[in-house]
C-alpha atoms as a PDB file:
ATOM      1  CA  MET A   1      28.744 191.736 171.269  1.00  0.00           C
ATOM      2  CA  SER A   2      28.891 190.049 174.547  1.00  0.00           C
ATOM      3  CA  SER A   3      26.501 186.952 173.996  1.00  0.00           C
ATOM      4  CA  GLU A   4      24.709 185.192 170.970  1.00  0.00           C
ATOM      5  CA  LYS A   5      21.214 186.666 172.669  1.00  0.00           C
ATOM      6  CA  GLU A   6      22.479 189.935 171.175  1.00  0.00           C
ATOM      7  CA  ILE A   7      23.166 188.901 167.394  1.00  0.00           C
ATOM      8  CA  LYS A   8      20.450 190.549 165.380  1.00  0.00           C
ATOM      9  CA  ARG A   9      21.634 189.891 162.052  1.00  0.00           C
ATOM     10  CA  VAL A  10      24.858 187.395 161.423  1.00  0.00           C
ATOM     11  CA  THR A  11      27.601 188.751 159.326  1.00  0.00           C
ATOM     12  CA  THR A  12      31.130 188.168 158.793  1.00  0.00           C
ATOM     13  CA  LEU A  13      32.085 189.697 162.162  1.00  0.00           C
ATOM     14  CA  THR A  14      29.566 187.377 163.551  1.00  0.00           C
ATOM     15  CA  LEU A  15      31.144 184.351 162.301  1.00  0.00           C
ATOM     16  CA  SER A  16      34.748 185.607 163.508  1.00  0.00           C
ATOM     17  CA  TRP A  17      33.233 186.650 166.923  1.00  0.00           C
ATOM     18  CA  LEU A  18      31.897 183.247 167.300  1.00  0.00           C
ATOM     19  CA  LYS A  19      35.259 181.247 166.379  1.00  0.00           C
ATOM     20  CA  LYS A  20      37.079 183.801 168.843  1.00  0.00           C
ATOM     21  CA  ASN A  21      34.930 183.022 171.602  1.00  0.00           C
ATOM     22  CA  ASN A  22      34.953 178.905 170.855  1.00  0.00           C
ATOM     23  CA  LYS A  23      30.971 179.008 169.973  1.00  0.00           C
ATOM     24  CA  LYS A  24      30.169 176.954 167.075  1.00  0.00           C
ATOM     25  CA  ILE A  25      28.423 178.098 163.700  1.00  0.00           C
ATOM     26  CA  SER A  26      25.364 176.378 162.463  1.00  0.00           C
ATOM     27  CA  ALA A  27      24.689 176.048 158.979  1.00  0.00           C
ATOM     28  CA  LEU A  28      22.125 174.559 156.867  1.00  0.00           C
ATOM     29  CA  THR A  29      20.983 174.629 153.200  1.00  0.00           C
ATOM     30  CA  ALA A  30      17.533 175.937 151.770  1.00  0.00           C
ATOM     31  CA  TYR A  31      16.593 176.565 148.231  1.00  0.00           C
ATOM     32  CA  ASP A  32      12.829 177.731 148.963  1.00  0.00           C
ATOM     33  CA  PHE A  33      10.734 180.014 151.168  1.00  0.00           C
ATOM     34  CA  ILE A  34       8.909 177.897 153.550  1.00  0.00           C
ATOM     35  CA  THR A  35      12.177 175.851 154.235  1.00  0.00           C
ATOM     36  CA  ALA A  36      14.249 179.119 154.895  1.00  0.00           C
ATOM     37  CA  LYS A  37      11.621 180.455 157.026  1.00  0.00           C
ATOM     38  CA  ILE A  38      11.573 177.276 159.449  1.00  0.00           C
ATOM     39  CA  LEU A  39      15.559 177.516 159.450  1.00  0.00           C
ATOM     40  CA  GLU A  40      14.952 181.094 160.680  1.00  0.00           C
ATOM     41  CA  GLU A  41      12.647 180.639 163.132  1.00  0.00           C
ATOM     42  CA  ALA A  42      14.671 178.097 164.558  1.00  0.00           C
ATOM     43  CA  GLY A  43      17.599 180.050 165.010  1.00  0.00           C
ATOM     44  CA  ILE A  44      19.853 178.788 162.209  1.00  0.00           C
ATOM     45  CA  ASP A  45      23.607 181.139 161.726  1.00  0.00           C
ATOM     46  CA  VAL A  46      23.688 180.451 158.395  1.00  0.00           C
ATOM     47  CA  ILE A  47      21.867 179.351 155.239  1.00  0.00           C
ATOM     48  CA  LEU A  48      23.374 178.494 152.117  1.00  0.00           C
ATOM     49  CA  ILE A  49      21.874 178.349 148.620  1.00  0.00           C
ATOM     50  CA  GLY A  50      23.906 175.506 147.621  1.00  0.00           C
ATOM     51  CA  ASP A  51      24.302 174.138 144.222  1.00  0.00           C
ATOM     52  CA  SER A  52      23.291 171.170 145.805  1.00  0.00           C
ATOM     53  CA  LEU A  53      19.997 172.105 144.510  1.00  0.00           C
ATOM     54  CA  GLY A  54      20.957 170.384 141.449  1.00  0.00           C
ATOM     55  CA  ASN A  55      20.697 166.893 143.200  1.00  0.00           C
ATOM     56  CA  VAL A  56      17.857 167.491 145.901  1.00  0.00           C
ATOM     57  CA  PHE A  57      15.519 169.741 144.036  1.00  0.00           C
ATOM     58  CA  GLN A  58      16.354 168.975 140.251  1.00  0.00           C
ATOM     59  CA  GLY A  59      17.034 165.523 140.423  1.00  0.00           C
ATOM     60  CA  ASN A  60      20.393 165.254 138.864  1.00  0.00           C
ATOM     61  CA  ASP A  61      23.199 162.995 139.494  1.00  0.00           C
ATOM     62  CA  THR A  62      25.628 165.957 139.855  1.00  0.00           C
ATOM     63  CA  THR A  63      25.926 169.742 140.999  1.00  0.00           C
ATOM     64  CA  LEU A  64      27.015 170.595 137.332  1.00  0.00           C
ATOM     65  CA  PRO A  65      23.829 171.635 135.524  1.00  0.00           C
ATOM     66  CA  VAL A  66      22.914 174.347 137.932  1.00  0.00           C
ATOM     67  CA  THR A  67      23.230 177.779 136.112  1.00  0.00           C
ATOM     68  CA  MET A  68      23.488 181.470 137.506  1.00  0.00           C
ATOM     69  CA  ASP A  69      19.656 182.358 136.635  1.00  0.00           C
ATOM     70  CA  GLU A  70      18.791 179.205 138.720  1.00  0.00           C
ATOM     71  CA  MET A  71      20.830 180.149 141.678  1.00  0.00           C
ATOM     72  CA  ILE A  72      19.307 183.683 141.624  1.00  0.00           C
ATOM     73  CA  TYR A  73      15.848 182.284 141.482  1.00  0.00           C
ATOM     74  CA  HIS A  74      16.155 180.228 144.566  1.00  0.00           C
ATOM     75  CA  THR A  75      18.212 182.726 146.595  1.00  0.00           C
ATOM     76  CA  LYS A  76      15.517 185.484 145.646  1.00  0.00           C
ATOM     77  CA  ALA A  77      13.010 183.065 147.321  1.00  0.00           C
ATOM     78  CA  VAL A  78      14.899 182.316 150.466  1.00  0.00           C
ATOM     79  CA  CYS A  79      15.930 185.741 151.086  1.00  0.00           C
ATOM     80  CA  ARG A  80      12.357 186.869 151.375  1.00  0.00           C
ATOM     81  CA  ALA A  81      12.097 184.736 154.669  1.00  0.00           C
ATOM     82  CA  ILE A  82      15.340 185.895 156.375  1.00  0.00           C
ATOM     83  CA  THR A  83      15.994 188.614 158.868  1.00  0.00           C
ATOM     84  CA  ARG A  84      18.898 187.437 160.910  1.00  0.00           C
ATOM     85  CA  ALA A  85      20.606 184.246 159.169  1.00  0.00           C
ATOM     86  CA  MET A  86      23.662 185.032 156.905  1.00  0.00           C
ATOM     87  CA  ILE A  87      22.772 184.125 153.385  1.00  0.00           C
ATOM     88  CA  VAL A  88      25.674 182.632 151.334  1.00  0.00           C
ATOM     89  CA  VAL A  89      25.244 181.629 147.660  1.00  0.00           C
ATOM     90  CA  ASP A  90      27.337 179.009 145.861  1.00  0.00           C
ATOM     91  CA  LEU A  91      28.338 180.272 142.225  1.00  0.00           C
ATOM     92  CA  PRO A  92      27.779 177.180 140.023  1.00  0.00           C
ATOM     93  CA  PHE A  93      29.890 175.530 138.040  1.00  0.00           C
ATOM     94  CA  MET A  94      31.624 177.614 135.001  1.00  0.00           C
ATOM     95  CA  SER A  95      30.375 180.916 136.478  1.00  0.00           C
ATOM     96  CA  TYR A  96      34.264 181.444 137.886  1.00  0.00           C
ATOM     97  CA  GLN A  97      36.501 179.020 136.405  1.00  0.00           C
ATOM     98  CA  LEU A  98      36.527 180.712 132.831  1.00  0.00           C
ATOM     99  CA  SER A  99      38.058 183.763 134.260  1.00  0.00           C
ATOM    100  CA  VAL A 100      39.188 186.043 137.070  1.00  0.00           C
ATOM    101  CA  ASP A 101      36.776 188.647 135.684  1.00  0.00           C
ATOM    102  CA  GLU A 102      34.099 186.252 135.057  1.00  0.00           C
ATOM    103  CA  GLY A 103      33.779 185.098 138.618  1.00  0.00           C
ATOM    104  CA  PHE A 104      33.951 188.745 139.532  1.00  0.00           C
ATOM    105  CA  ARG A 105      30.917 189.727 137.783  1.00  0.00           C
ATOM    106  CA  ASN A 106      29.086 186.566 138.551  1.00  0.00           C
ATOM    107  CA  ALA A 107      29.530 187.538 142.359  1.00  0.00           C
ATOM    108  CA  GLY A 108      28.931 190.761 142.015  1.00  0.00           C
ATOM    109  CA  ARG A 109      25.715 189.850 139.818  1.00  0.00           C
ATOM    110  CA  ILE A 110      24.543 187.397 142.991  1.00  0.00           C
ATOM    111  CA  LEU A 111      24.656 190.623 145.519  1.00  0.00           C
ATOM    112  CA  LYS A 112      23.194 193.004 143.225  1.00  0.00           C
ATOM    113  CA  GLU A 113      20.259 190.806 142.407  1.00  0.00           C
ATOM    114  CA  THR A 114      19.500 189.263 145.618  1.00  0.00           C
ATOM    115  CA  SER A 115      19.704 189.815 149.090  1.00  0.00           C
ATOM    116  CA  ALA A 116      22.430 187.658 149.976  1.00  0.00           C
ATOM    117  CA  GLY A 117      25.366 188.610 152.152  1.00  0.00           C
ATOM    118  CA  ALA A 118      27.990 186.523 150.502  1.00  0.00           C
ATOM    119  CA  VAL A 119      29.205 183.793 147.697  1.00  0.00           C
ATOM    120  CA  LYS A 120      30.954 180.430 147.948  1.00  0.00           C
ATOM    121  CA  LEU A 121      33.461 179.167 145.724  1.00  0.00           C
ATOM    122  CA  GLU A 122      35.302 175.785 145.273  1.00  0.00           C
ATOM    123  CA  GLY A 123      38.725 175.443 145.136  1.00  0.00           C
ATOM    124  CA  GLY A 124      42.037 176.242 146.648  1.00  0.00           C
ATOM    125  CA  ILE A 125      45.260 177.943 145.288  1.00  0.00           C
ATOM    126  CA  HIS A 126      44.153 177.931 141.784  1.00  0.00           C
ATOM    127  CA  ILE A 127      40.866 180.262 142.489  1.00  0.00           C
ATOM    128  CA  ALA A 128      42.744 182.384 145.070  1.00  0.00           C
ATOM    129  CA  GLU A 129      43.295 185.483 142.484  1.00  0.00           C
ATOM    130  CA  THR A 130      39.394 185.531 141.870  1.00  0.00           C
ATOM    131  CA  VAL A 131      38.603 185.256 145.687  1.00  0.00           C
ATOM    132  CA  LYS A 132      41.161 188.364 145.963  1.00  0.00           C
ATOM    133  CA  LYS A 133      39.544 190.141 143.587  1.00  0.00           C
ATOM    134  CA  ILE A 134      35.847 189.471 144.751  1.00  0.00           C
ATOM    135  CA  THR A 135      37.056 190.221 148.284  1.00  0.00           C
ATOM    136  CA  ASP A 136      38.706 193.506 147.165  1.00  0.00           C
ATOM    137  CA  ALA A 137      35.472 194.649 145.759  1.00  0.00           C
ATOM    138  CA  GLY A 138      33.811 194.092 149.062  1.00  0.00           C
ATOM    139  CA  ILE A 139      31.967 190.799 148.289  1.00  0.00           C
ATOM    140  CA  PRO A 140      32.382 188.347 151.363  1.00  0.00           C
ATOM    141  CA  VAL A 141      33.623 184.981 150.005  1.00  0.00           C
ATOM    142  CA  MET A 142      33.464 181.638 151.905  1.00  0.00           C
ATOM    143  CA  GLY A 143      36.014 179.304 150.408  1.00  0.00           C
ATOM    144  CA  HIS A 144      35.270 175.190 149.921  1.00  0.00           C
ATOM    145  CA  ILE A 145      37.669 172.820 149.872  1.00  0.00           C
ATOM    146  CA  GLY A 146      38.602 168.728 150.239  1.00  0.00           C
ATOM    147  CA  LEU A 147      35.834 167.085 148.398  1.00  0.00           C
ATOM    148  CA  THR A 148      34.707 169.774 145.872  1.00  0.00           C
ATOM    149  CA  PRO A 149      31.482 168.475 144.271  1.00  0.00           C
ATOM    150  CA  GLN A 150      32.120 170.714 141.059  1.00  0.00           C
ATOM    151  CA  SER A 151      35.183 168.763 140.405  1.00  0.00           C
ATOM    152  CA  ILE A 152      33.575 165.291 140.530  1.00  0.00           C
ATOM    153  CA  HIS A 153      34.602 163.959 137.251  1.00  0.00           C
ATOM    154  CA  LYS A 154      38.183 165.157 138.115  1.00  0.00           C
ATOM    155  CA  PHE A 155      38.342 163.045 141.286  1.00  0.00           C
ATOM    156  CA  GLY A 156      36.142 160.201 139.783  1.00  0.00           C
ATOM    157  CA  SER A 157      34.221 159.713 143.002  1.00  0.00           C
ATOM    158  CA  TYR A 158      32.680 161.044 146.095  1.00  0.00           C
ATOM    159  CA  ARG A 159      35.384 159.336 148.379  1.00  0.00           C
ATOM    160  CA  GLU A 160      37.090 161.018 151.320  1.00  0.00           C
ATOM    161  CA  ARG A 161      40.052 163.515 150.158  1.00  0.00           C
ATOM    162  CA  GLY A 162      43.213 164.083 152.078  1.00  0.00           C
ATOM    163  CA  LYS A 163      43.802 160.475 153.447  1.00  0.00           C
ATOM    164  CA  ASP A 164      47.252 160.536 152.202  1.00  0.00           C
ATOM    165  CA  PHE A 165      50.447 162.976 153.200  1.00  0.00           C
ATOM    166  CA  THR A 166      50.496 164.499 149.724  1.00  0.00           C
ATOM    167  CA  GLU A 167      47.041 165.271 149.275  1.00  0.00           C
ATOM    168  CA  ALA A 168      46.656 166.196 152.780  1.00  0.00           C
ATOM    169  CA  GLU A 169      49.231 169.027 152.361  1.00  0.00           C
ATOM    170  CA  GLU A 170      47.758 170.104 149.468  1.00  0.00           C
ATOM    171  CA  ILE A 171      44.435 170.902 150.860  1.00  0.00           C
ATOM    172  CA  PHE A 172      46.267 172.495 153.902  1.00  0.00           C
ATOM    173  CA  ASN A 173      47.844 174.876 151.452  1.00  0.00           C
ATOM    174  CA  ASP A 174      44.812 175.383 149.617  1.00  0.00           C
ATOM    175  CA  ALA A 175      42.907 176.791 153.085  1.00  0.00           C
ATOM    176  CA  LYS A 176      45.976 179.048 153.972  1.00  0.00           C
ATOM    177  CA  ALA A 177      45.970 180.317 150.280  1.00  0.00           C
ATOM    178  CA  ILE A 178      41.983 180.865 150.338  1.00  0.00           C
ATOM    179  CA  GLU A 179      42.156 182.721 153.766  1.00  0.00           C
ATOM    180  CA  GLN A 180      45.206 185.011 152.575  1.00  0.00           C
ATOM    181  CA  ALA A 181      43.135 185.861 149.166  1.00  0.00           C
ATOM    182  CA  GLY A 182      40.453 187.404 151.753  1.00  0.00           C
ATOM    183  CA  ALA A 183      37.803 184.785 152.415  1.00  0.00           C
ATOM    184  CA  PHE A 184      36.095 185.062 155.707  1.00  0.00           C
ATOM    185  CA  ALA A 185      35.020 181.182 156.281  1.00  0.00           C
ATOM    186  CA  ILE A 186      35.914 178.018 154.490  1.00  0.00           C
ATOM    187  CA  VAL A 187      33.965 174.654 154.412  1.00  0.00           C
ATOM    188  CA  LEU A 188      36.076 171.675 154.617  1.00  0.00           C
ATOM    189  CA  GLU A 189      34.386 168.586 153.037  1.00  0.00           C
ATOM    190  CA  LYS A 190      34.800 165.376 153.532  1.00  0.00           C
ATOM    191  CA  ILE A 191      38.631 165.165 154.662  1.00  0.00           C
ATOM    192  CA  PRO A 192      40.048 163.639 157.878  1.00  0.00           C
ATOM    193  CA  SER A 193      38.999 164.818 161.261  1.00  0.00           C
ATOM    194  CA  SER A 194      42.702 165.447 162.565  1.00  0.00           C
ATOM    195  CA  LEU A 195      43.587 167.317 158.954  1.00  0.00           C
ATOM    196  CA  ALA A 196      40.494 169.255 159.674  1.00  0.00           C
ATOM    197  CA  GLU A 197      41.696 170.207 163.100  1.00  0.00           C
ATOM    198  CA  ARG A 198      44.876 171.171 161.969  1.00  0.00           C
ATOM    199  CA  ILE A 199      43.524 173.460 159.325  1.00  0.00           C
ATOM    200  CA  THR A 200      41.041 174.963 162.030  1.00  0.00           C
ATOM    201  CA  ASN A 201      43.849 175.635 164.219  1.00  0.00           C
ATOM    202  CA  ASN A 202      46.026 177.121 161.927  1.00  0.00           C
ATOM    203  CA  LEU A 203      43.438 179.799 160.346  1.00  0.00           C
ATOM    204  CA  LYS A 204      42.149 182.962 161.779  1.00  0.00           C
ATOM    205  CA  ILE A 205      38.964 182.395 159.868  1.00  0.00           C
ATOM    206  CA  PRO A 206      36.142 180.201 160.984  1.00  0.00           C
ATOM    207  CA  THR A 207      35.949 176.774 159.144  1.00  0.00           C
ATOM    208  CA  ILE A 208      32.492 175.145 158.387  1.00  0.00           C
ATOM    209  CA  GLY A 209      32.621 171.347 158.287  1.00  0.00           C
ATOM    210  CA  ILE A 210      30.712 168.503 156.549  1.00  0.00           C
ATOM    211  CA  GLY A 211      31.925 165.267 156.847  1.00  0.00           C
ATOM    212  CA  ALA A 212      35.127 166.774 158.619  1.00  0.00           C
ATOM    213  CA  GLY A 213      34.623 165.949 162.295  1.00  0.00           C
ATOM    214  CA  VAL A 214      34.106 167.872 165.231  1.00  0.00           C
ATOM    215  CA  HIS A 215      36.966 170.136 165.265  1.00  0.00           C
ATOM    216  CA  CYS A 216      35.530 172.530 162.531  1.00  0.00           C
ATOM    217  CA  ASP A 217      34.161 175.763 163.865  1.00  0.00           C
ATOM    218  CA  GLY A 218      30.874 174.871 162.628  1.00  0.00           C
ATOM    219  CA  GLN A 219      28.691 172.228 160.813  1.00  0.00           C
ATOM    220  CA  ILE A 220      26.953 172.400 157.693  1.00  0.00           C
ATOM    221  CA  LEU A 221      24.482 169.563 156.254  1.00  0.00           C
ATOM    222  CA  VAL A 222      22.021 169.507 153.067  1.00  0.00           C
ATOM    223  CA  THR A 223      18.638 170.247 155.022  1.00  0.00           C
ATOM    224  CA  PRO A 224      16.738 167.382 152.845  1.00  0.00           C
ATOM    225  CA  ASP A 225      19.489 164.835 153.920  1.00  0.00           C
ATOM    226  CA  MET A 226      19.212 165.678 157.481  1.00  0.00           C
ATOM    227  CA  LEU A 227      15.411 165.594 157.785  1.00  0.00           C
ATOM    228  CA  GLY A 228      15.647 162.216 156.387  1.00  0.00           C
ATOM    229  CA  LEU A 229      13.745 163.341 152.999  1.00  0.00           C
ATOM    230  CA  ASN A 230      16.276 162.083 150.921  1.00  0.00           C
ATOM    231  CA  VAL A 231      15.685 158.136 151.264  1.00  0.00           C
ATOM    232  CA  ASP A 232      18.531 156.977 148.617  1.00  0.00           C
ATOM    233  CA  PHE A 233      21.365 159.013 150.467  1.00  0.00           C
ATOM    234  CA  HIS A 234      23.051 157.521 153.446  1.00  0.00           C
ATOM    235  CA  PRO A 235      26.703 158.622 153.811  1.00  0.00           C
ATOM    236  CA  ARG A 236      28.004 158.538 157.247  1.00  0.00           C
ATOM    237  CA  PHE A 237      28.162 161.805 157.943  1.00  0.00           C
ATOM    238  CA  VAL A 238      24.590 162.681 157.842  1.00  0.00           C
ATOM    239  CA  ARG A 239      22.636 162.310 160.792  1.00  0.00           C
ATOM    240  CA  HIS A 240      19.076 162.187 160.267  1.00  0.00           C
ATOM    241  CA  TYR A 241      16.990 164.383 162.810  1.00  0.00           C
ATOM    242  CA  ALA A 242      13.801 163.445 161.451  1.00  0.00           C
ATOM    243  CA  LYS A 243      12.376 160.735 158.957  1.00  0.00           C
ATOM    244  CA  LEU A 244      10.291 163.098 157.097  1.00  0.00           C
ATOM    245  CA  ALA A 245       9.927 160.907 154.044  1.00  0.00           C
ATOM    246  CA  ASP A 246       8.200 158.144 155.888  1.00  0.00           C
ATOM    247  CA  GLN A 247       5.832 160.903 157.667  1.00  0.00           C
ATOM    248  CA  ILE A 248       5.057 162.263 154.569  1.00  0.00           C
ATOM    249  CA  THR A 249       4.121 159.333 152.643  1.00  0.00           C
ATOM    250  CA  ILE A 250       2.088 158.206 155.456  1.00  0.00           C
ATOM    251  CA  ALA A 251       0.246 161.541 155.374  1.00  0.00           C
ATOM    252  CA  VAL A 252      -0.136 161.095 151.305  1.00  0.00           C
ATOM    253  CA  LYS A 253      -1.610 157.878 151.541  1.00  0.00           C
ATOM    254  CA  ASN A 254      -4.081 158.952 154.351  1.00  0.00           C
ATOM    255  CA  TYR A 255      -5.183 161.932 152.161  1.00  0.00           C
ATOM    256  CA  ILE A 256      -5.545 159.424 149.159  1.00  0.00           C
ATOM    257  CA  ASP A 257      -7.885 157.235 151.282  1.00  0.00           C
ATOM    258  CA  ASP A 258      -9.666 159.947 152.551  1.00  0.00           C
ATOM    259  CA  VAL A 259     -10.275 161.424 149.242  1.00  0.00           C
ATOM    260  CA  LYS A 260     -11.292 157.925 147.399  1.00  0.00           C
ATOM    261  CA  GLY A 261     -13.711 157.116 150.647  1.00  0.00           C
ATOM    262  CA  LYS A 262     -15.283 160.404 150.150  1.00  0.00           C
ATOM    263  CA  ASN A 263     -14.180 161.229 153.658  1.00  0.00           C
ATOM    264  CA  PHE A 264     -12.332 164.517 152.561  1.00  0.00           C
ATOM    265  CA  PRO A 265     -13.838 167.182 152.391  1.00  0.00           C
ATOM    266  CA  SER A 266     -16.017 167.193 155.509  1.00  0.00           C
ATOM    267  CA  GLU A 267     -19.082 169.366 155.920  1.00  0.00           C
ATOM    268  CA  ASP A 268     -16.899 171.833 158.213  1.00  0.00           C
ATOM    269  CA  GLU A 269     -14.232 172.103 155.390  1.00  0.00           C
ATOM    270  CA  SER A 270     -16.681 172.971 152.918  1.00  0.00           C
ATOM    271  CA  TYR A 271     -18.016 176.083 151.679  1.00  0.00           C
END
């Protein structure tokens, strides 16, 4: 390909081409058909069916309760809306931590039961063997290091990772290990911009940042956060491109007023 306009379907090769040509990768999350269709029509490169659905869709405090069946259910809905974007699916907590073979089976299940193009795993050196087995079988893997929400009880908070030298070196080595294991891209979450830049410059595969600065090869946000639907979540790395919670509240109040005031439905809206 010679330009982004020629991209008919985003694949691992597409993302590699974008990095090599210094073109940024856009990514957002989706958990339902309508949202996915809007993202697709807007031209998003990557859609992640994230286990963040545990927070923004199910109302849980963490991503840990999300199951494989739930991930597959939401992925099927998203896939029905997509013809161009690459679809990546999170392997949820305890779907790959038990053993390499367990992770391999569940990654295969995602691709077998949905139209997704890749899976995403959290972790570094300690999951490299799992990443290798999955990729050796022809299943594309996106890595995820830095702040890894599935390890929240280990970290004890959602604070920035990699601020001190020792942890920064661990994260850097994790990135190299995941690349060597065969991952096609890696998410860098909530790490210093300088560390993200160093990792990006030292990897051949694309980096996708979330709270990791501008030097990553691409960026991802949770769509309800970016659209201003999640009014109780205000991390500094989230830019609100809309305030849909306010607009929806106004619309619902207007609807309530019209119903109670007998102004809806009108004669034209009736059969």
